[in-house]
Amino acid sequence: MNIEEIINDFPLLKNRNITYLDSGATTQKPVQVIDVVKDFYENFNANPHRGAYSLSMEATEMYENTRGKIAKFINSRQAQEIIFTKNASEALNLIAYSYGMDNLKKDDEIVLSIMEHHSNLVPWQKVSKVTGAKLEYMYINDNYEISDEEIETKITDNTKIVAITHVSNVLGTINDVKKIIKYAHKKGAVVVLDASQSIPHMKIDVQDLDCDFLVFSGHKMLAPLGIGVLYGKKEILNKMTPFLMGGDMIEYVYEQETTFAPLPNKFEAGTQNVEGVIGLGVAIDYIENIGYDKIQEIENEVVSYAIKELKKLDYIELYLTQNAKNHSAVISFNIKGVHPHDVASILDSEGVCVRSGNHCAQPLLRYMGIDSTCRASFYLYNTKDDVDKLVNALNKAYSMFERFLKK
């Protein structure tokens, strides 16, 4: 598929005269995903696992077939290791409560990176307060990367959990998670990998990485809102207690006791987002049909061009690693002396959509000595023309503040 054919698959990009540069928050949805959600409600709407009638069994088959598809997509050993959640945040909370609360004790250590999204930080703060475990952080260097020395200094024999983002949602830095996982395992720690910002852009192989847990959100990879995935090694998941209780995660319920269903049902209480699951399956089909090599080719060309053009603007401050191999599709920046919210508002008036704020990563920005940034995040439907529109809008924004900034 060429870029014109790809763009043509996204109705919103045709229906709205905008330049969409906020895919790090949520991607637009291709018509194939939209259509399958509509088709589910028109032809297959029933609860999986709960009916002996054919409609329910068809819904069950669609739901479980997608579980198998996701297992294959990330190279999980078996489908039972795939748990559906509503997003990566819920998946991380599930790990924190069901694994962290039961397996940590006073003076154990939880190691995070300073880059973590609040969803992979705040739950561990809660766990540390309840269990008496200590939170430690791996900090970034001047190139916005985690050094080998930082990894080997912070992950110790007392470390029981390492929770790390694969790609920073603020900086676009691609962490060497395979190295971190290997070192953490050498010290006896379990590793939680947040792949929310990586899996839309690069192939993930959980067996090759050897992570113990992995989470991601469907809405950042072309799927509907409200569907996420938790992968966990079967031997660990089997020992964990459920996080949420209710329908479909039980085996037998008595007046005073309950036994729980086997994996994966043990962690999927209540009626699930079935249409979201099915939409995620089609989103995966879409990504695989284009191929990660093609996605990276498109993104590398556009992001490299964006960095080159933004570096020409002497009023722009860029926050990104200088190592192109370690950088993904996110560019954070500020107009010097102008609040990011003002910049984003002016860009919006020009039809350019970027994120502004702290990007749910306040500790990182505080460590960097800033309050917030603008963030342009690119995906497979973006072009150099989108970059040109961004630059033109930035020039307009700067021109509105220039006379005040030079006083």
Protein backbone atom coordinates (compact mmCIF):
# COMPACT_ATOMS: atom_id res chain seq x y z
CA MET A 1 0.00 0.00 0.00
CA ASN A 2 1.21 3.52 -0.75
CA ILE A 3 0.61 6.46 1.57
CA GLU A 4 -2.38 7.75 -0.42
CA GLU A 5 -4.12 4.37 -0.12
CA ILE A 6 -3.39 4.28 3.60
CA ILE A 7 -4.79 7.78 4.21
CA ASN A 8 -7.87 6.86 2.20
CA ASP A 9 -8.65 4.14 4.77
CA PHE A 10 -9.15 6.69 7.57
CA PRO A 11 -12.55 8.39 7.37
CA LEU A 12 -11.83 11.09 9.94
CA LEU A 13 -8.79 12.27 8.01
CA LYS A 14 -11.03 12.72 4.97
CA ASN A 15 -13.99 14.18 6.88
CA ARG A 16 -12.06 16.78 8.85
CA ASN A 17 -9.65 19.33 7.42
CA ILE A 18 -6.98 18.78 10.06
CA THR A 19 -3.37 17.73 10.45
CA TYR A 20 -3.51 15.05 13.12
CA LEU A 21 -0.28 14.80 15.12
CA ASP A 22 -1.50 13.21 18.35
CA SER A 23 -1.30 9.48 17.62
CA GLY A 24 0.75 8.97 20.79
CA ALA A 25 -2.49 9.69 22.65
CA THR A 26 -4.81 7.79 20.31
CA THR A 27 -4.58 6.79 16.68
CA GLN A 28 -7.28 7.32 14.11
CA LYS A 29 -9.25 4.22 13.09
CA PRO A 30 -9.27 2.67 9.62
CA VAL A 31 -12.58 1.91 7.98
CA GLN A 32 -11.87 -1.81 8.34
CA VAL A 33 -11.94 -1.49 12.14
CA ILE A 34 -15.00 0.77 12.13
CA ASP A 35 -16.86 -1.65 9.85
CA VAL A 36 -16.16 -4.75 11.94
CA VAL A 37 -17.46 -3.05 15.10
CA LYS A 38 -20.63 -2.07 13.26
CA ASP A 39 -20.93 -5.60 11.83
CA PHE A 40 -20.62 -7.13 15.30
CA TYR A 41 -23.54 -5.13 16.64
CA GLU A 42 -25.66 -5.75 13.58
CA ASN A 43 -25.03 -9.49 13.24
CA PHE A 44 -23.27 -11.04 16.27
CA ASN A 45 -24.21 -9.07 19.40
CA ALA A 46 -24.36 -11.47 22.36
CA ASN A 47 -22.37 -12.22 25.49
CA PRO A 48 -19.47 -14.65 25.00
CA HIS A 49 -19.17 -17.66 27.32
CA ARG A 50 -22.72 -17.27 28.65
CA GLY A 51 -25.11 -18.84 26.17
CA ALA A 52 -25.79 -22.29 24.78
CA TYR A 53 -27.44 -20.74 21.73
CA SER A 54 -25.64 -20.24 18.43
CA LEU A 55 -25.46 -16.42 18.52
CA SER A 56 -23.61 -16.47 21.84
CA MET A 57 -21.33 -19.24 20.63
CA GLU A 58 -20.48 -17.21 17.51
CA ALA A 59 -19.62 -14.20 19.69
CA THR A 60 -17.50 -16.47 21.87
CA GLU A 61 -15.64 -17.81 18.86
CA MET A 62 -14.89 -14.31 17.56
CA TYR A 63 -13.72 -13.19 21.00
CA GLU A 64 -11.46 -16.18 21.61
CA ASN A 65 -10.11 -16.27 18.06
CA THR A 66 -8.84 -12.75 18.63
CA ARG A 67 -7.10 -13.85 21.80
CA GLY A 68 -5.26 -16.44 19.75
CA LYS A 69 -4.43 -13.83 17.11
CA ILE A 70 -2.89 -11.54 19.74
CA ALA A 71 -0.88 -14.42 21.20
CA LYS A 72 0.57 -15.07 17.75
CA PHE A 73 1.09 -11.34 17.13
CA ILE A 74 3.38 -10.95 20.17
CA ASN A 75 4.66 -14.56 20.03
CA SER A 76 3.17 -15.65 23.34
CA ARG A 77 3.50 -19.35 24.00
CA GLN A 78 -0.25 -19.79 24.36
CA ALA A 79 -3.49 -17.84 24.21
CA GLN A 80 -4.17 -18.31 27.95
CA GLU A 81 -1.37 -15.83 28.63
CA ILE A 82 -3.43 -13.03 27.02
CA ILE A 83 -5.78 -11.15 29.36
CA PHE A 84 -8.18 -8.51 28.05
CA THR A 85 -8.41 -5.27 30.01
CA LYS A 86 -9.89 -1.90 29.17
CA ASN A 87 -6.47 -0.29 28.60
CA ALA A 88 -2.81 -0.46 29.62
CA SER A 89 -3.56 1.49 32.81
CA GLU A 90 -5.96 -1.19 34.03
CA ALA A 91 -3.48 -3.89 33.07
CA LEU A 92 -0.72 -2.20 35.10
CA ASN A 93 -3.04 -1.82 38.08
CA LEU A 94 -3.91 -5.50 37.80
CA ILE A 95 -0.22 -6.43 37.99
CA ALA A 96 0.43 -4.03 40.87
CA TYR A 97 -2.46 -5.30 42.96
CA SER A 98 -2.51 -9.00 42.06
CA TYR A 99 1.25 -9.53 41.91
CA GLY A 100 2.89 -6.61 43.70
CA MET A 101 0.74 -6.57 46.82
CA ASP A 102 1.16 -10.30 47.39
CA ASN A 103 4.84 -10.68 46.59
CA LEU A 104 6.60 -7.66 48.08
CA LYS A 105 7.65 -7.04 51.64
CA LYS A 106 9.39 -4.34 53.65
CA ASP A 107 12.66 -3.10 52.12
CA ASP A 108 12.18 -4.93 48.82
CA GLU A 109 12.84 -2.60 45.91
CA ILE A 110 10.70 -1.62 42.92
CA VAL A 111 12.74 0.00 40.16
CA LEU A 112 11.10 2.32 37.63
CA SER A 113 12.50 4.74 35.10
CA ILE A 114 11.92 8.45 35.53
CA MET A 115 10.27 8.32 32.08
CA GLU A 116 7.26 6.33 33.24
CA HIS A 117 3.71 7.33 32.43
CA HIS A 118 1.73 7.88 35.64
CA SER A 119 -0.07 4.59 34.98
CA ASN A 120 3.23 2.73 35.48
CA LEU A 121 4.22 4.83 38.47
CA VAL A 122 1.27 5.71 40.71
CA PRO A 123 0.16 2.04 41.22
CA TRP A 124 3.70 1.20 42.39
CA GLN A 125 3.62 4.12 44.82
CA LYS A 126 0.49 2.55 46.30
CA VAL A 127 2.13 -0.88 46.47
CA SER A 128 5.23 0.55 48.15
CA LYS A 129 3.16 2.35 50.81
CA VAL A 130 1.15 -0.78 51.63
CA THR A 131 4.01 -3.31 51.57
CA GLY A 132 6.90 -1.19 52.85
CA ALA A 133 8.84 -1.75 49.65
CA LYS A 134 11.06 1.06 48.36
CA LEU A 135 10.73 2.87 45.03
CA GLU A 136 13.95 3.49 43.13
CA TYR A 137 14.35 5.33 39.84
CA MET A 138 16.65 5.00 36.85
CA TYR A 139 17.34 8.53 35.61
CA ILE A 140 18.14 9.76 32.11
CA ASN A 141 21.41 11.33 30.98
CA ASP A 142 21.87 14.51 28.96
CA ASN A 143 20.97 12.57 25.80
CA TYR A 144 17.59 11.55 27.32
CA GLU A 145 18.68 7.90 27.61
CA ILE A 146 19.21 5.46 30.47
CA SER A 147 22.89 4.56 30.68
CA ASP A 148 24.26 1.06 31.36
CA GLU A 149 25.76 2.42 34.58
CA GLU A 150 22.32 3.61 35.72
CA ILE A 151 20.80 0.20 35.01
CA GLU A 152 23.52 -1.67 36.88
CA THR A 153 23.53 0.75 39.81
CA LYS A 154 19.79 0.88 40.43
CA ILE A 155 18.85 -2.78 39.82
CA THR A 156 20.29 -4.67 42.80
CA ASP A 157 19.91 -7.93 44.66
CA ASN A 158 17.08 -6.28 46.61
CA THR A 159 15.13 -5.45 43.44
CA LYS A 160 12.01 -7.59 43.08
CA ILE A 161 10.16 -5.72 40.31
CA VAL A 162 11.42 -3.60 37.42
CA ALA A 163 8.66 -1.66 35.63
CA ILE A 164 9.86 0.06 32.48
CA THR A 165 8.42 1.76 29.42
CA HIS A 166 9.67 0.48 26.09
CA VAL A 167 9.33 3.92 24.48
CA SER A 168 8.91 7.22 26.33
CA ASN A 169 5.64 8.92 25.50
CA VAL A 170 7.31 12.31 26.03
CA LEU A 171 10.80 11.91 24.58
CA GLY A 172 10.35 9.14 22.04
CA THR A 173 13.43 7.45 23.50
CA ILE A 174 13.52 3.70 22.76
CA ASN A 175 14.89 2.02 25.86
CA ASP A 176 17.14 -1.02 25.53
CA VAL A 177 14.58 -3.15 27.31
CA LYS A 178 16.14 -6.46 26.31
CA LYS A 179 19.31 -5.46 28.16
CA ILE A 180 17.28 -4.23 31.15
CA ILE A 181 15.23 -7.44 31.28
CA LYS A 182 18.31 -9.63 31.10
CA TYR A 183 20.05 -7.71 33.89
CA ALA A 184 16.91 -7.65 36.05
CA HIS A 185 16.50 -11.42 35.71
CA LYS A 186 20.15 -11.86 36.66
CA LYS A 187 19.26 -10.11 39.93
CA GLY A 188 16.11 -12.21 40.39
CA ALA A 189 13.59 -9.47 39.57
CA VAL A 190 10.34 -9.72 37.63
CA VAL A 191 9.97 -7.27 34.72
CA VAL A 192 6.83 -5.37 33.70
CA LEU A 193 7.11 -3.86 30.21
CA ASP A 194 4.82 -1.03 29.09
CA ALA A 195 4.64 -1.41 25.30
CA SER A 196 1.89 1.17 24.75
CA GLN A 197 4.16 3.49 22.74
CA SER A 198 6.18 0.77 21.01
CA ILE A 199 3.80 -1.87 19.68
CA PRO A 200 2.09 0.46 17.17
CA HIS A 201 5.50 1.06 15.58
CA MET A 202 7.66 -2.06 15.99
CA LYS A 203 7.41 -5.82 16.23
CA ILE A 204 7.19 -7.19 19.77
CA ASP A 205 8.28 -10.74 20.59
CA VAL A 206 7.65 -11.52 24.25
CA GLN A 207 9.64 -14.74 24.14
CA ASP A 208 12.66 -13.03 22.63
CA LEU A 209 12.44 -10.15 25.12
CA ASP A 210 11.69 -12.61 27.95
CA CYS A 211 9.58 -10.03 29.82
CA ASP A 212 7.40 -11.43 32.60
CA PHE A 213 4.52 -9.05 31.90
CA LEU A 214 3.71 -6.81 28.95
CA VAL A 215 0.85 -4.34 28.55
CA PHE A 216 -0.53 -2.19 25.74
CA SER A 217 -3.64 -0.23 24.75
CA GLY A 218 -5.52 -0.95 21.55
CA HIS A 219 -6.52 2.67 20.92
CA LYS A 220 -2.88 3.61 20.27
CA MET A 221 -2.64 1.01 17.49
CA LEU A 222 -5.73 1.66 15.34
CA ALA A 223 -8.19 -0.30 17.54
CA PRO A 224 -11.29 1.06 19.33
CA LEU A 225 -11.08 2.93 22.62
CA GLY A 226 -11.50 0.91 25.78
CA ILE A 227 -9.59 -2.26 24.95
CA GLY A 228 -6.19 -3.23 26.32
CA VAL A 229 -4.04 -6.30 26.71
CA LEU A 230 -2.05 -7.84 29.53
CA TYR A 231 0.40 -10.58 28.67
CA GLY A 232 1.90 -12.56 31.52
CA LYS A 233 3.93 -15.74 31.76
CA LYS A 234 1.50 -18.53 32.55
CA GLU A 235 3.44 -19.79 35.57
CA ILE A 236 3.23 -16.33 37.17
CA LEU A 237 -0.41 -15.64 36.25
CA ASN A 238 -1.50 -18.99 37.70
CA LYS A 239 -0.12 -18.02 41.11
CA MET A 240 -1.77 -14.58 41.16
CA THR A 241 -5.07 -13.80 42.81
CA PRO A 242 -7.76 -12.02 40.75
CA PHE A 243 -7.92 -8.23 40.76
CA LEU A 244 -11.62 -7.85 39.91
CA MET A 245 -14.38 -10.21 41.06
CA GLY A 246 -17.68 -11.06 39.41
CA GLY A 247 -19.27 -12.87 36.51
CA ASP A 248 -17.29 -15.28 34.32
CA MET A 249 -14.14 -15.30 36.47
CA ILE A 250 -15.54 -17.83 38.93
CA GLU A 251 -15.63 -21.63 38.98
CA TYR A 252 -17.96 -22.31 41.93
CA VAL A 253 -19.56 -19.87 44.37
CA TYR A 254 -20.80 -20.95 47.79
CA GLU A 255 -22.23 -18.77 50.54
CA GLN A 256 -18.86 -18.29 52.22
CA GLU A 257 -16.27 -19.35 49.64
CA THR A 258 -15.53 -19.06 45.93
CA THR A 259 -13.17 -20.88 43.60
CA PHE A 260 -11.88 -19.13 40.51
CA ALA A 261 -11.90 -20.09 36.86
CA PRO A 262 -8.62 -21.02 35.14
CA LEU A 263 -6.71 -18.65 32.91
CA PRO A 264 -7.54 -16.39 31.21
CA ASN A 265 -11.07 -16.09 32.61
CA LYS A 266 -9.76 -15.63 36.16
CA PHE A 267 -8.82 -12.05 35.33
CA GLU A 268 -11.77 -11.09 33.10
CA ALA A 269 -14.67 -10.30 35.42
CA GLY A 270 -17.97 -9.18 33.95
CA THR A 271 -19.08 -8.58 30.39
CA GLN A 272 -16.09 -7.58 28.29
CA ASN A 273 -15.63 -5.03 25.52
CA VAL A 274 -16.26 -7.70 22.90
CA GLU A 275 -16.51 -5.33 19.95
CA GLY A 276 -13.27 -3.70 21.10
CA VAL A 277 -11.53 -7.07 21.17
CA ILE A 278 -12.77 -7.88 17.66
CA GLY A 279 -11.77 -4.41 16.47
CA LEU A 280 -8.30 -4.95 17.94
CA GLY A 281 -8.01 -8.15 15.95
CA VAL A 282 -8.78 -6.31 12.72
CA ALA A 283 -6.35 -3.52 13.68
CA ILE A 284 -3.66 -6.18 14.01
CA ASP A 285 -4.63 -7.52 10.57
CA TYR A 286 -4.27 -4.01 9.18
CA ILE A 287 -0.81 -3.51 10.72
CA GLU A 288 0.38 -6.90 9.53
CA ASN A 289 -1.00 -6.31 6.04
CA ILE A 290 1.10 -3.14 5.73
CA GLY A 291 4.00 -4.62 7.69
CA TYR A 292 6.19 -3.07 10.35
CA ASP A 293 9.00 -2.55 7.84
CA LYS A 294 6.73 -0.33 5.73
CA ILE A 295 5.37 1.46 8.82
CA GLN A 296 8.90 2.25 9.96
CA GLU A 297 9.90 3.36 6.48
CA ILE A 298 7.01 5.85 6.41
CA GLU A 299 7.64 7.06 9.95
CA ASN A 300 11.41 7.35 9.63
CA GLU A 301 11.09 9.51 6.54
CA VAL A 302 8.47 11.81 8.08
CA VAL A 303 10.02 12.04 11.56
CA SER A 304 13.53 12.65 10.18
CA TYR A 305 12.12 15.42 8.00
CA ALA A 306 10.24 16.90 10.97
CA ILE A 307 13.37 16.96 13.14
CA LYS A 308 15.38 18.56 10.33
CA GLU A 309 12.74 21.26 9.75
CA LEU A 310 12.17 21.98 13.44
CA LYS A 311 15.92 22.36 14.02
CA LYS A 312 15.86 25.22 11.53
CA LEU A 313 13.59 27.20 13.86
CA ASP A 314 15.91 28.94 16.32
CA TYR A 315 12.98 29.77 18.60
CA ILE A 316 12.23 26.07 19.20
CA GLU A 317 13.61 23.96 22.04
CA LEU A 318 13.66 20.24 21.17
CA TYR A 319 13.73 17.42 23.72
CA LEU A 320 14.96 14.29 22.00
CA THR A 321 17.90 11.92 21.89
CA GLN A 322 20.52 12.62 19.24
CA ASN A 323 20.74 8.90 18.46
CA ALA A 324 18.23 8.38 15.64
CA LYS A 325 18.27 4.59 16.16
CA ASN A 326 16.97 5.11 19.70
CA HIS A 327 14.17 7.48 18.75
CA SER A 328 10.56 6.64 17.88
CA ALA A 329 7.73 8.71 16.38
CA VAL A 330 7.36 11.32 19.16
CA ILE A 331 8.83 14.83 19.14
CA SER A 332 8.47 17.08 22.19
CA PHE A 333 9.25 20.77 21.81
CA ASN A 334 8.55 24.25 23.12
CA ILE A 335 8.62 27.73 21.69
CA LYS A 336 11.08 29.39 24.04
CA GLY A 337 9.28 31.67 26.43
CA VAL A 338 5.75 30.71 25.36
CA HIS A 339 3.46 28.38 27.31
CA PRO A 340 2.77 25.12 25.43
CA HIS A 341 -0.99 25.48 25.91
CA ASP A 342 -0.89 28.82 24.08
CA VAL A 343 1.15 27.27 21.29
CA ALA A 344 -1.21 24.30 20.96
CA SER A 345 -4.24 26.61 20.84
CA ILE A 346 -2.76 28.66 18.03
CA LEU A 347 -1.78 25.50 16.15
CA ASP A 348 -5.34 24.26 16.56
CA SER A 349 -6.62 27.45 14.94
CA GLU A 350 -4.50 26.44 11.94
CA GLY A 351 -5.95 22.93 11.95
CA VAL A 352 -2.86 21.30 13.47
CA CYS A 353 -3.53 18.90 16.36
CA VAL A 354 -0.71 18.44 18.89
CA ARG A 355 -0.76 17.53 22.55
CA SER A 356 0.32 20.04 25.20
CA GLY A 357 0.85 19.53 28.91
CA ASN A 358 2.83 17.15 31.08
CA HIS A 359 1.73 14.05 29.11
CA CYS A 360 0.99 12.11 32.32
CA ALA A 361 4.72 12.17 33.12
CA GLN A 362 5.13 14.90 35.74
CA PRO A 363 8.20 13.39 37.46
CA LEU A 364 10.06 13.27 34.12
CA LEU A 365 9.31 16.88 33.24
CA ARG A 366 10.15 18.00 36.77
CA TYR A 367 13.49 16.18 36.48
CA MET A 368 14.08 17.98 33.17
CA GLY A 369 13.33 21.31 34.85
CA ILE A 370 10.23 22.14 32.81
CA ASP A 371 6.48 22.07 33.46
CA SER A 372 5.12 20.96 30.10
CA THR A 373 5.81 20.62 26.40
CA CYS A 374 4.07 20.47 23.06
CA ARG A 375 4.21 17.00 21.55
CA ALA A 376 3.82 15.98 17.94
CA SER A 377 3.40 12.22 17.56
CA PHE A 378 3.34 10.63 14.13
CA TYR A 379 1.96 7.44 12.64
CA LEU A 380 1.63 5.60 9.35
CA TYR A 381 -0.88 8.07 7.87
CA ASN A 382 1.31 11.17 8.32
CA THR A 383 3.26 12.83 5.50
CA LYS A 384 5.89 15.51 4.95
CA ASP A 385 3.01 17.82 4.06
CA ASP A 386 1.78 17.42 7.66
CA VAL A 387 5.22 18.51 8.85
CA ASP A 388 5.12 21.57 6.61
CA LYS A 389 1.73 22.54 8.03
CA LEU A 390 3.12 22.12 11.56
CA VAL A 391 6.10 24.35 10.77
CA ASN A 392 3.91 27.01 9.14
CA ALA A 393 1.59 27.01 12.16
CA LEU A 394 4.56 27.30 14.51
CA ASN A 395 5.86 30.27 12.55
CA LYS A 396 2.48 31.93 12.95
CA ALA A 397 2.45 31.19 16.69
CA TYR A 398 5.95 32.62 17.12
CA SER A 399 5.09 35.73 15.12
CA MET A 400 2.23 36.46 17.55
CA PHE A 401 4.62 36.44 20.54
CA GLU A 402 7.86 37.60 18.91
CA ARG A 403 7.69 41.27 19.93
CA PHE A 404 7.06 40.35 23.57
CA LEU A 405 9.83 37.75 23.66
CA LYS A 406 12.49 40.16 22.38
CA LYS A 407 11.90 42.82 25.04
